[in-house]
Amino acid sequence: MERIKVKIKPNSSENKIVEKGSVWKINIKAPAQENKANLELLKFLKKELKKNVQFVSGLKSKEKVLEIF
């Protein structure tokens, strides 16, 4: 299992990993309301990484910690 720090930008024009480093910067199309951006983020990363992803912290923040397994 691996943990990554993520900073998301909701309401973007496309779902895209902008930068990988100590903090991944990811653009998400979904708005940051009613958990839509969080769900879109998990779905997008699962598809991109071909692995399961879950939240460790940051559900109500733009900065999150995710676990990849």
Foldseek 3Di string as FASTA:
>chain_A
DDKAKEAEDECDPDWDFPDDDNYTYTYYNHDLPPQGRVVRVQVVCCVVVVWHKDFPDDSNHSITMMDTD
